[in-house]
PDB file of N, CA and C in Angstrom:
ATOM      1  N   MET A   1      57.293 -43.945 -32.543  1.00  0.00           N
ATOM      2  CA  MET A   1      58.741 -44.632 -31.789  1.00  0.00           C
ATOM      3  C   MET A   1      58.127 -45.531 -30.513  1.00  0.00           C
ATOM      4  N   ASP A   2      59.429 -46.222 -30.298  1.00  0.00           N
ATOM      5  CA  ASP A   2      58.305 -47.855 -30.237  1.00  0.00           C
ATOM      6  C   ASP A   2      58.631 -48.246 -28.223  1.00  0.00           C
ATOM      7  N   ILE A   3      57.896 -47.929 -27.708  1.00  0.00           N
ATOM      8  CA  ILE A   3      58.066 -48.106 -26.293  1.00  0.00           C
ATOM      9  C   ILE A   3      59.172 -48.851 -26.311  1.00  0.00           C
ATOM     10  N   ILE A   4      59.938 -50.508 -26.206  1.00  0.00           N
ATOM     11  CA  ILE A   4      60.366 -51.179 -26.695  1.00  0.00           C
ATOM     12  C   ILE A   4      62.021 -50.776 -26.269  1.00  0.00           C
ATOM     13  N   ASN A   5      62.302 -49.655 -27.043  1.00  0.00           N
ATOM     14  CA  ASN A   5      63.106 -49.348 -27.319  1.00  0.00           C
ATOM     15  C   ASN A   5      63.987 -48.212 -26.066  1.00  0.00           C
ATOM     16  N   LEU A   6      62.522 -47.580 -25.395  1.00  0.00           N
ATOM     17  CA  LEU A   6      63.109 -47.258 -24.885  1.00  0.00           C
ATOM     18  C   LEU A   6      63.867 -47.491 -23.381  1.00  0.00           C
ATOM     19  N   PRO A   7      64.250 -46.651 -22.600  1.00  0.00           N
ATOM     20  CA  PRO A   7      65.430 -47.563 -21.559  1.00  0.00           C
ATOM     21  C   PRO A   7      64.306 -47.077 -20.625  1.00  0.00           C
ATOM     22  N   GLY A   8      64.233 -48.517 -20.435  1.00  0.00           N
ATOM     23  CA  GLY A   8      63.893 -48.855 -19.167  1.00  0.00           C
ATOM     24  C   GLY A   8      62.431 -49.925 -19.124  1.00  0.00           C
ATOM     25  N   ALA A   9      62.006 -50.084 -20.501  1.00  0.00           N
ATOM     26  CA  ALA A   9      60.895 -50.626 -20.367  1.00  0.00           C
ATOM     27  C   ALA A   9      60.331 -51.586 -20.466  1.00  0.00           C
ATOM     28  N   MET A  10      61.404 -52.489 -20.122  1.00  0.00           N
ATOM     29  CA  MET A  10      61.436 -53.996 -19.748  1.00  0.00           C
ATOM     30  C   MET A  10      60.309 -53.361 -18.665  1.00  0.00           C
ATOM     31  N   GLU A  11      61.611 -52.919 -17.860  1.00  0.00           N
ATOM     32  CA  GLU A  11      61.038 -53.088 -16.701  1.00  0.00           C
ATOM     33  C   GLU A  11      59.020 -52.159 -15.986  1.00  0.00           C
ATOM     34  N   ASP A  12      59.081 -51.767 -16.996  1.00  0.00           N
ATOM     35  CA  ASP A  12      58.114 -50.936 -16.950  1.00  0.00           C
ATOM     36  C   ASP A  12      56.709 -51.141 -17.521  1.00  0.00           C
ATOM     37  N   ARG A  13      57.165 -52.737 -18.455  1.00  0.00           N
ATOM     38  CA  ARG A  13      55.593 -53.566 -18.525  1.00  0.00           C
ATOM     39  C   ARG A  13      55.796 -55.147 -17.498  1.00  0.00           C
ATOM     40  N   GLY A  14      56.186 -54.928 -16.568  1.00  0.00           N
ATOM     41  CA  GLY A  14      55.970 -56.233 -15.683  1.00  0.00           C
ATOM     42  C   GLY A  14      56.867 -57.332 -16.003  1.00  0.00           C
ATOM     43  N   TRP A  15      55.301 -58.014 -15.849  1.00  0.00           N
ATOM     44  CA  TRP A  15      54.659 -60.065 -16.405  1.00  0.00           C
ATOM     45  C   TRP A  15      55.630 -60.061 -17.508  1.00  0.00           C
ATOM     46  N   GLN A  16      55.296 -58.586 -18.691  1.00  0.00           N
ATOM     47  CA  GLN A  16      55.683 -58.851 -19.323  1.00  0.00           C
ATOM     48  C   GLN A  16      56.502 -59.868 -19.854  1.00  0.00           C
ATOM     49  N   SER A  17      57.919 -58.522 -19.446  1.00  0.00           N
ATOM     50  CA  SER A  17      58.650 -59.113 -20.080  1.00  0.00           C
ATOM     51  C   SER A  17      59.362 -59.858 -19.779  1.00  0.00           C
ATOM     52  N   ARG A  18      58.747 -61.208 -18.747  1.00  0.00           N
ATOM     53  CA  ARG A  18      59.334 -62.329 -18.494  1.00  0.00           C
ATOM     54  C   ARG A  18      58.013 -63.587 -18.974  1.00  0.00           C
ATOM     55  N   SER A  19      57.726 -63.427 -20.104  1.00  0.00           N
ATOM     56  CA  SER A  19      56.955 -64.224 -21.055  1.00  0.00           C
ATOM     57  C   SER A  19      57.934 -64.587 -22.046  1.00  0.00           C
ATOM     58  N   ASN A  20      57.484 -66.332 -22.388  1.00  0.00           N
ATOM     59  CA  ASN A  20      58.086 -66.904 -23.005  1.00  0.00           C
ATOM     60  C   ASN A  20      57.686 -66.384 -24.245  1.00  0.00           C
ATOM     61  N   CYS A  21      56.280 -65.697 -24.808  1.00  0.00           N
ATOM     62  CA  CYS A  21      56.724 -65.271 -25.648  1.00  0.00           C
ATOM     63  C   CYS A  21      56.625 -63.832 -26.633  1.00  0.00           C
ATOM     64  N   MET A  22      57.369 -63.296 -25.570  1.00  0.00           N
ATOM     65  CA  MET A  22      58.706 -62.109 -25.959  1.00  0.00           C
ATOM     66  C   MET A  22      59.519 -63.216 -26.862  1.00  0.00           C
ATOM     67  N   GLY A  23      59.552 -62.284 -28.186  1.00  0.00           N
ATOM     68  CA  GLY A  23      59.942 -62.351 -29.510  1.00  0.00           C
ATOM     69  C   GLY A  23      59.816 -63.051 -30.538  1.00  0.00           C
ATOM     70  N   VAL A  24      58.986 -63.391 -30.051  1.00  0.00           N
ATOM     71  CA  VAL A  24      57.693 -65.010 -30.962  1.00  0.00           C
ATOM     72  C   VAL A  24      57.019 -63.857 -31.061  1.00  0.00           C
ATOM     73  N   ASP A  25      56.669 -64.465 -32.723  1.00  0.00           N
ATOM     74  CA  ASP A  25      55.880 -63.516 -34.007  1.00  0.00           C
ATOM     75  C   ASP A  25      54.593 -63.642 -33.159  1.00  0.00           C
ATOM     76  N   PRO A  26      54.294 -62.579 -33.376  1.00  0.00           N
ATOM     77  CA  PRO A  26      52.331 -62.269 -33.023  1.00  0.00           C
ATOM     78  C   PRO A  26      51.087 -62.973 -33.122  1.00  0.00           C
ATOM     79  N   ASP A  27      51.400 -63.404 -34.479  1.00  0.00           N
ATOM     80  CA  ASP A  27      50.593 -63.172 -35.104  1.00  0.00           C
ATOM     81  C   ASP A  27      50.300 -64.844 -34.789  1.00  0.00           C
ATOM     82  N   LEU A  28      51.320 -65.765 -34.325  1.00  0.00           N
ATOM     83  CA  LEU A  28      51.005 -66.936 -33.595  1.00  0.00           C
ATOM     84  C   LEU A  28      49.767 -66.941 -33.229  1.00  0.00           C
ATOM     85  N   PHE A  29      49.687 -65.722 -31.949  1.00  0.00           N
ATOM     86  CA  PHE A  29      49.095 -65.745 -30.732  1.00  0.00           C
ATOM     87  C   PHE A  29      47.606 -65.052 -32.067  1.00  0.00           C
ATOM     88  N   PHE A  30      47.484 -64.819 -32.977  1.00  0.00           N
ATOM     89  CA  PHE A  30      46.427 -64.562 -33.260  1.00  0.00           C
ATOM     90  C   PHE A  30      46.015 -65.539 -34.741  1.00  0.00           C
ATOM     91  N   PRO A  31      45.705 -67.039 -34.404  1.00  0.00           N
ATOM     92  CA  PRO A  31      46.130 -67.896 -35.609  1.00  0.00           C
ATOM     93  C   PRO A  31      44.520 -67.027 -36.903  1.00  0.00           C
ATOM     94  N   GLU A  32      44.255 -67.362 -37.785  1.00  0.00           N
ATOM     95  CA  GLU A  32      43.748 -67.356 -38.473  1.00  0.00           C
ATOM     96  C   GLU A  32      42.280 -67.985 -38.273  1.00  0.00           C
ATOM     97  N   ARG A  33      40.866 -67.414 -38.748  1.00  0.00           N
ATOM     98  CA  ARG A  33      39.905 -68.306 -37.716  1.00  0.00           C
ATOM     99  C   ARG A  33      39.730 -70.145 -38.832  1.00  0.00           C
ATOM    100  N   GLY A  34      39.492 -70.610 -37.700  1.00  0.00           N
ATOM    101  CA  GLY A  34      40.301 -72.665 -37.563  1.00  0.00           C
ATOM    102  C   GLY A  34      40.942 -73.397 -37.441  1.00  0.00           C
ATOM    103  N   ALA A  35      42.115 -72.250 -37.594  1.00  0.00           N
ATOM    104  CA  ALA A  35      43.730 -72.598 -37.944  1.00  0.00           C
ATOM    105  C   ALA A  35      43.562 -73.245 -36.428  1.00  0.00           C
ATOM    106  N   SER A  36      44.677 -73.921 -36.379  1.00  0.00           N
ATOM    107  CA  SER A  36      45.254 -74.487 -35.138  1.00  0.00           C
ATOM    108  C   SER A  36      46.098 -73.818 -34.350  1.00  0.00           C
ATOM    109  N   THR A  37      46.196 -73.907 -33.191  1.00  0.00           N
ATOM    110  CA  THR A  37      45.903 -73.403 -31.772  1.00  0.00           C
ATOM    111  C   THR A  37      47.161 -73.563 -31.139  1.00  0.00           C
ATOM    112  N   ARG A  38      47.867 -74.961 -31.392  1.00  0.00           N
ATOM    113  CA  ARG A  38      47.980 -75.937 -30.973  1.00  0.00           C
ATOM    114  C   ARG A  38      49.847 -75.252 -30.450  1.00  0.00           C
ATOM    115  N   GLU A  39      50.554 -74.673 -31.168  1.00  0.00           N
ATOM    116  CA  GLU A  39      51.603 -73.814 -31.403  1.00  0.00           C
ATOM    117  C   GLU A  39      52.493 -72.726 -30.397  1.00  0.00           C
ATOM    118  N   ALA A  40      50.669 -71.424 -30.238  1.00  0.00           N
ATOM    119  CA  ALA A  40      50.957 -70.969 -29.197  1.00  0.00           C
ATOM    120  C   ALA A  40      50.892 -71.462 -28.307  1.00  0.00           C
ATOM    121  N   LYS A  41      49.686 -72.279 -27.743  1.00  0.00           N
ATOM    122  CA  LYS A  41      49.392 -72.548 -26.602  1.00  0.00           C
ATOM    123  C   LYS A  41      50.882 -73.590 -25.343  1.00  0.00           C
ATOM    124  N   GLU A  42      51.380 -74.280 -27.332  1.00  0.00           N
ATOM    125  CA  GLU A  42      52.952 -74.383 -26.999  1.00  0.00           C
ATOM    126  C   GLU A  42      54.298 -73.542 -25.977  1.00  0.00           C
ATOM    127  N   VAL A  43      53.746 -72.141 -26.243  1.00  0.00           N
ATOM    128  CA  VAL A  43      54.396 -71.160 -26.134  1.00  0.00           C
ATOM    129  C   VAL A  43      53.891 -70.755 -25.109  1.00  0.00           C
ATOM    130  N   CYS A  44      52.969 -70.801 -24.926  1.00  0.00           N
ATOM    131  CA  CYS A  44      52.467 -70.778 -22.871  1.00  0.00           C
ATOM    132  C   CYS A  44      52.612 -71.547 -22.698  1.00  0.00           C
ATOM    133  N   ARG A  45      52.668 -72.916 -22.764  1.00  0.00           N
ATOM    134  CA  ARG A  45      52.022 -74.068 -21.551  1.00  0.00           C
ATOM    135  C   ARG A  45      53.054 -74.171 -20.481  1.00  0.00           C
ATOM    136  N   GLY A  46      55.057 -73.785 -20.529  1.00  0.00           N
ATOM    137  CA  GLY A  46      56.054 -73.175 -19.565  1.00  0.00           C
ATOM    138  C   GLY A  46      56.021 -71.909 -18.878  1.00  0.00           C
ATOM    139  N   CYS A  47      55.085 -71.271 -19.514  1.00  0.00           N
ATOM    140  CA  CYS A  47      55.131 -70.166 -18.784  1.00  0.00           C
ATOM    141  C   CYS A  47      55.365 -68.860 -18.250  1.00  0.00           C
ATOM    142  N   VAL A  48      55.798 -68.345 -16.855  1.00  0.00           N
ATOM    143  CA  VAL A  48      55.687 -68.240 -15.982  1.00  0.00           C
ATOM    144  C   VAL A  48      54.850 -67.673 -15.173  1.00  0.00           C
ATOM    145  N   VAL A  49      54.680 -66.460 -16.670  1.00  0.00           N
ATOM    146  CA  VAL A  49      53.394 -65.742 -15.971  1.00  0.00           C
ATOM    147  C   VAL A  49      52.581 -65.928 -17.048  1.00  0.00           C
ATOM    148  N   ARG A  50      51.470 -67.541 -16.847  1.00  0.00           N
ATOM    149  CA  ARG A  50      50.953 -67.444 -17.836  1.00  0.00           C
ATOM    150  C   ARG A  50      49.347 -66.751 -17.346  1.00  0.00           C
ATOM    151  N   ASP A  51      49.055 -67.415 -15.894  1.00  0.00           N
ATOM    152  CA  ASP A  51      48.353 -66.902 -15.206  1.00  0.00           C
ATOM    153  C   ASP A  51      48.313 -65.027 -15.324  1.00  0.00           C
ATOM    154  N   GLU A  52      49.082 -64.377 -14.674  1.00  0.00           N
ATOM    155  CA  GLU A  52      49.088 -62.732 -15.764  1.00  0.00           C
ATOM    156  C   GLU A  52      48.363 -62.623 -16.920  1.00  0.00           C
ATOM    157  N   CYS A  53      49.553 -63.278 -17.334  1.00  0.00           N
ATOM    158  CA  CYS A  53      48.493 -63.177 -19.093  1.00  0.00           C
ATOM    159  C   CYS A  53      46.958 -63.333 -19.122  1.00  0.00           C
ATOM    160  N   LEU A  54      46.303 -64.124 -18.095  1.00  0.00           N
ATOM    161  CA  LEU A  54      45.280 -65.127 -18.588  1.00  0.00           C
ATOM    162  C   LEU A  54      44.368 -64.225 -17.952  1.00  0.00           C
ATOM    163  N   GLU A  55      44.571 -64.177 -16.200  1.00  0.00           N
ATOM    164  CA  GLU A  55      44.081 -62.316 -15.916  1.00  0.00           C
ATOM    165  C   GLU A  55      43.854 -61.115 -16.427  1.00  0.00           C
ATOM    166  N   TYR A  56      44.678 -60.714 -17.185  1.00  0.00           N
ATOM    167  CA  TYR A  56      45.185 -59.574 -17.951  1.00  0.00           C
ATOM    168  C   TYR A  56      44.006 -59.614 -19.612  1.00  0.00           C
ATOM    169  N   ALA A  57      43.893 -60.527 -19.931  1.00  0.00           N
ATOM    170  CA  ALA A  57      43.088 -60.423 -20.743  1.00  0.00           C
ATOM    171  C   ALA A  57      41.640 -60.890 -20.195  1.00  0.00           C
ATOM    172  N   LEU A  58      41.166 -61.130 -19.246  1.00  0.00           N
ATOM    173  CA  LEU A  58      40.021 -61.212 -18.941  1.00  0.00           C
ATOM    174  C   LEU A  58      39.616 -60.106 -18.569  1.00  0.00           C
ATOM    175  N   GLU A  59      40.758 -59.492 -17.503  1.00  0.00           N
ATOM    176  CA  GLU A  59      39.947 -57.845 -16.993  1.00  0.00           C
ATOM    177  C   GLU A  59      40.185 -56.583 -18.082  1.00  0.00           C
ATOM    178  N   ASN A  60      40.572 -57.128 -19.333  1.00  0.00           N
ATOM    179  CA  ASN A  60      40.239 -56.501 -20.260  1.00  0.00           C
ATOM    180  C   ASN A  60      39.246 -56.571 -21.858  1.00  0.00           C
ATOM    181  N   GLY A  61      38.582 -58.067 -21.243  1.00  0.00           N
ATOM    182  CA  GLY A  61      38.188 -58.342 -22.365  1.00  0.00           C
ATOM    183  C   GLY A  61      38.586 -58.306 -23.525  1.00  0.00           C
ATOM    184  N   GLU A  62      39.750 -59.007 -23.623  1.00  0.00           N
ATOM    185  CA  GLU A  62      40.624 -59.488 -24.805  1.00  0.00           C
ATOM    186  C   GLU A  62      39.282 -60.633 -25.339  1.00  0.00           C
ATOM    187  N   LYS A  63      39.479 -60.133 -26.827  1.00  0.00           N
ATOM    188  CA  LYS A  63      38.154 -61.106 -27.769  1.00  0.00           C
ATOM    189  C   LYS A  63      39.366 -62.278 -28.501  1.00  0.00           C
ATOM    190  N   PHE A  64      40.054 -61.543 -28.867  1.00  0.00           N
ATOM    191  CA  PHE A  64      40.859 -62.149 -29.977  1.00  0.00           C
ATOM    192  C   PHE A  64      41.866 -62.759 -29.017  1.00  0.00           C
ATOM    193  N   GLY A  65      43.019 -63.955 -29.826  1.00  0.00           N
ATOM    194  CA  GLY A  65      43.896 -64.650 -29.533  1.00  0.00           C
ATOM    195  C   GLY A  65      43.912 -65.140 -28.428  1.00  0.00           C
ATOM    196  N   ILE A  66      45.208 -65.363 -28.487  1.00  0.00           N
ATOM    197  CA  ILE A  66      45.304 -66.752 -27.584  1.00  0.00           C
ATOM    198  C   ILE A  66      46.503 -65.990 -25.888  1.00  0.00           C
ATOM    199  N   TRP A  67      45.972 -66.238 -24.840  1.00  0.00           N
ATOM    200  CA  TRP A  67      46.568 -65.566 -23.636  1.00  0.00           C
ATOM    201  C   TRP A  67      45.827 -66.116 -22.740  1.00  0.00           C
ATOM    202  N   GLY A  68      47.728 -66.501 -22.208  1.00  0.00           N
ATOM    203  CA  GLY A  68      47.540 -67.170 -20.733  1.00  0.00           C
ATOM    204  C   GLY A  68      46.930 -68.989 -21.322  1.00  0.00           C
ATOM    205  N   GLY A  69      47.185 -68.727 -22.539  1.00  0.00           N
ATOM    206  CA  GLY A  69      47.283 -70.408 -23.422  1.00  0.00           C
ATOM    207  C   GLY A  69      46.080 -70.880 -23.098  1.00  0.00           C
ATOM    208  N   MET A  70      45.208 -69.827 -23.571  1.00  0.00           N
ATOM    209  CA  MET A  70      43.250 -69.847 -24.072  1.00  0.00           C
ATOM    210  C   MET A  70      43.340 -69.171 -25.388  1.00  0.00           C
ATOM    211  N   SER A  71      42.355 -69.847 -25.613  1.00  0.00           N
ATOM    212  CA  SER A  71      41.794 -69.566 -27.036  1.00  0.00           C
ATOM    213  C   SER A  71      40.745 -68.001 -26.673  1.00  0.00           C
ATOM    214  N   GLU A  72      40.378 -67.739 -27.334  1.00  0.00           N
ATOM    215  CA  GLU A  72      38.953 -66.440 -26.593  1.00  0.00           C
ATOM    216  C   GLU A  72      37.408 -68.081 -26.437  1.00  0.00           C
ATOM    217  N   ARG A  73      37.262 -69.010 -26.920  1.00  0.00           N
ATOM    218  CA  ARG A  73      36.479 -69.237 -26.287  1.00  0.00           C
ATOM    219  C   ARG A  73      36.650 -70.090 -25.607  1.00  0.00           C
ATOM    220  N   GLU A  74      37.453 -70.783 -25.120  1.00  0.00           N
ATOM    221  CA  GLU A  74      37.980 -70.646 -22.925  1.00  0.00           C
ATOM    222  C   GLU A  74      38.045 -70.352 -22.768  1.00  0.00           C
ATOM    223  N   ARG A  75      38.039 -69.085 -22.772  1.00  0.00           N
ATOM    224  CA  ARG A  75      38.394 -67.898 -22.330  1.00  0.00           C
ATOM    225  C   ARG A  75      36.389 -67.257 -21.830  1.00  0.00           C
ATOM    226  N   ARG A  76      36.562 -67.739 -22.549  1.00  0.00           N
ATOM    227  CA  ARG A  76      34.995 -67.355 -22.297  1.00  0.00           C
ATOM    228  C   ARG A  76      34.292 -67.769 -21.770  1.00  0.00           C
ATOM    229  N   ARG A  77      34.080 -69.831 -21.554  1.00  0.00           N
ATOM    230  CA  ARG A  77      33.842 -70.413 -21.241  1.00  0.00           C
ATOM    231  C   ARG A  77      34.083 -70.171 -19.361  1.00  0.00           C
ATOM    232  N   LEU A  78      35.769 -69.390 -19.348  1.00  0.00           N
ATOM    233  CA  LEU A  78      36.105 -69.496 -17.643  1.00  0.00           C
ATOM    234  C   LEU A  78      35.372 -68.091 -17.054  1.00  0.00           C
ATOM    235  N   ARG A  79      35.059 -67.250 -17.647  1.00  0.00           N
ATOM    236  CA  ARG A  79      34.363 -65.456 -17.984  1.00  0.00           C
ATOM    237  C   ARG A  79      33.123 -66.126 -17.164  1.00  0.00           C
ATOM    238  N   ARG A  80      32.175 -66.791 -17.889  1.00  0.00           N
ATOM    239  CA  ARG A  80      31.003 -67.167 -17.559  1.00  0.00           C
ATOM    240  C   ARG A  80      30.810 -68.517 -16.437  1.00  0.00           C
ATOM    241  N   ALA A  81      32.071 -69.211 -16.035  1.00  0.00           N
ATOM    242  CA  ALA A  81      31.569 -69.809 -14.480  1.00  0.00           C
ATOM    243  C   ALA A  81      31.754 -68.941 -13.458  1.00  0.00           C
ATOM    244  N   ARG A  82      32.929 -68.085 -13.760  1.00  0.00           N
ATOM    245  CA  ARG A  82      33.460 -66.527 -13.175  1.00  0.00           C
ATOM    246  C   ARG A  82      32.445 -66.419 -12.265  1.00  0.00           C
ATOM    247  N   ALA A  83      31.350 -66.706 -13.227  1.00  0.00           N
ATOM    248  CA  ALA A  83      29.792 -65.430 -13.294  1.00  0.00           C
ATOM    249  C   ALA A  83      29.278 -66.270 -11.955  1.00  0.00           C
ATOM    250  N   ILE A  84      29.048 -67.145 -12.729  1.00  0.00           N
ATOM    251  CA  ILE A  84      28.531 -68.439 -11.873  1.00  0.00           C
ATOM    252  C   ILE A  84      28.833 -67.766 -10.318  1.00  0.00           C
ATOM    253  N   GLU A  85      29.808 -69.021 -10.718  1.00  0.00           N
ATOM    254  CA  GLU A  85      30.872 -68.713  -9.119  1.00  0.00           C
ATOM    255  C   GLU A  85      30.758 -67.256  -8.227  1.00  0.00           C
ATOM    256  N   ARG A  86      30.290 -66.201  -8.752  1.00  0.00           N
ATOM    257  CA  ARG A  86      30.007 -65.050  -7.878  1.00  0.00           C
ATOM    258  C   ARG A  86      29.093 -65.372  -7.265  1.00  0.00           C
ATOM    259  N   ARG A  87      27.974 -65.660  -8.497  1.00  0.00           N
ATOM    260  CA  ARG A  87      26.793 -65.208  -8.550  1.00  0.00           C
ATOM    261  C   ARG A  87      25.897 -66.586  -6.982  1.00  0.00           C
ATOM    262  N   SER A  88      26.914 -67.630  -6.728  1.00  0.00           N
ATOM    263  CA  SER A  88      26.258 -69.064  -6.163  1.00  0.00           C
ATOM    264  C   SER A  88      26.808 -68.049  -4.551  1.00  0.00           C
ATOM    265  N   ALA A  89      27.772 -67.372  -4.284  1.00  0.00           N
ATOM    266  CA  ALA A  89      28.914 -67.131  -2.927  1.00  0.00           C
ATOM    267  C   ALA A  89      28.001 -65.406  -3.068  1.00  0.00           C
ATOM    268  N   ALA A  90      27.460 -65.270  -3.452  1.00  0.00           N
ATOM    269  CA  ALA A  90      25.979 -64.026  -3.684  1.00  0.00           C
ATOM    270  C   ALA A  90      24.913 -64.389  -2.692  1.00  0.00           C
ATOM    271  N   SER A  91      24.865 -65.259  -2.945  1.00  0.00           N
ATOM    272  CA  SER A  91      23.382 -65.879  -2.938  1.00  0.00           C
ATOM    273  C   SER A  91      23.376 -66.189  -1.079  1.00  0.00           C
TER     274      SER A  91
END
């Protein structure tokens, strides 16, 4: 059973229900290796929940796809930068 068809399911999804990507083919956000991410990032560009999406991906260790307008590589760099920042703040 698809949870989206349940009554009230959109409210339960929180930030996802307000995303620009609702109804867009998910394959766009999971391009083949070496394929362009431009179209997916364009969908994310003006999204009102872009920050929530990015934080979700970071908190849940999403290793694949475009989340919050960032690729896997970009999120990896952001995680490293945040880790360095935390270490510096703890010193």
